[in-house]
Protein backbone atom coordinates (compact mmCIF):
# COMPACT_ATOMS: atom_id res chain seq x y z
CA MET A 1 7.89 -7.73 10.89
CA LEU A 2 6.79 -10.16 8.06
CA LEU A 3 5.24 -9.53 4.73
CA SER A 4 2.24 -11.39 5.93
CA ASP A 5 2.08 -8.96 8.84
CA LEU A 6 1.88 -6.17 6.34
CA GLN A 7 -0.64 -7.86 4.03
CA ASN A 8 -3.10 -8.04 7.03
CA LYS A 9 -3.08 -4.27 7.47
CA THR A 10 -5.43 -1.76 5.69
CA LEU A 11 -4.04 0.76 3.49
CA ILE A 12 -5.60 4.28 4.12
CA SER A 13 -5.28 7.45 2.20
CA ILE A 14 -4.41 10.36 4.58
CA ILE A 15 -5.79 12.70 2.20
CA ASP A 16 -9.40 11.42 2.08
CA GLY A 17 -9.47 8.42 4.45
CA LYS A 18 -10.30 5.93 1.73
CA ASN A 19 -9.34 2.26 1.68
CA ILE A 20 -6.57 2.23 -0.94
CA GLY A 21 -6.26 -1.58 -1.25
CA ASN A 22 -4.30 -4.53 -0.11
CA ILE A 23 -0.65 -5.08 -0.25
CA VAL A 24 0.19 -8.23 -2.32
CA ASP A 25 4.16 -8.05 -2.45
CA ILE A 26 7.12 -5.68 -1.86
CA ARG A 27 9.93 -4.44 -4.04
CA LEU A 28 13.40 -4.45 -2.51
CA ASP A 29 16.46 -2.82 -3.32
CA GLU A 30 18.78 -5.59 -3.90
CA LYS A 31 21.87 -4.00 -2.57
CA THR A 32 20.63 -2.58 0.51
CA GLY A 33 17.63 -4.73 1.38
CA ASN A 34 15.66 -1.74 1.95
CA ILE A 35 11.88 -1.41 0.83
CA ILE A 36 11.31 0.64 -2.39
CA SER A 37 7.65 0.29 -2.87
CA PHE A 38 4.71 -1.95 -1.83
CA VAL A 39 2.80 -3.45 -4.67
CA VAL A 40 -0.91 -3.03 -4.03
CA GLU A 41 -3.97 -4.58 -5.29
CA GLU A 42 -6.20 -1.57 -5.67
CA ASN A 43 -9.62 -1.40 -3.99
CA ARG A 44 -12.24 -1.01 -6.78
CA ARG A 45 -14.16 1.54 -4.82
CA ALA A 46 -11.11 3.71 -4.37
CA PHE A 47 -10.34 3.46 -8.16
CA SER A 48 -13.70 2.77 -9.58
CA PHE A 49 -12.80 4.15 -13.09
CA THR A 50 -11.05 0.87 -13.73
CA GLY A 51 -14.04 -1.29 -13.36
CA LYS A 52 -11.78 -4.20 -11.92
CA ASN A 53 -8.83 -4.45 -9.64
CA SER A 54 -5.56 -3.72 -10.88
CA ALA A 55 -2.14 -3.56 -9.19
CA SER A 56 0.00 -0.47 -8.69
CA GLU A 57 2.94 0.31 -6.53
CA ILE A 58 3.07 2.81 -3.66
CA LYS A 59 6.48 4.36 -2.86
CA TRP A 60 8.07 3.73 0.55
CA GLU A 61 8.39 7.64 0.85
CA ASN A 62 4.70 7.82 0.60
CA ILE A 63 4.16 5.80 3.76
CA LYS A 64 3.55 8.14 6.51
CA LYS A 65 2.70 5.60 9.49
CA ILE A 66 2.53 1.63 10.06
CA GLY A 67 0.09 1.12 12.84
CA GLU A 68 -1.37 -1.79 14.45
CA ASP A 69 -4.06 -2.35 12.13
CA VAL A 70 -3.57 0.17 9.29
CA ILE A 71 -0.92 1.69 7.16
CA LEU A 72 -1.37 5.61 6.47
CA VAL A 73 -0.49 6.63 2.94
CA ASN A 74 0.13 10.17 1.45
CA MET A 75 -1.76 9.77 -2.07
CA TYR A 76 -1.43 13.40 -3.18
């Protein structure tokens, strides 16, 4: 799977079903090549208190399922 494939998927919280945002980059472990986290441009509607889009990270262990169109995330 390519980064561009991941960027085209919608991130959805399994807690409340809200759209979290879009993947803009990934952070990799340099030694193993494993994904550490997704860098996400947050959806303003999901994080409305900021008043603008901002970037955050979602750790790999919080990713529950990568489907054809969506990525399910445990945002506890």
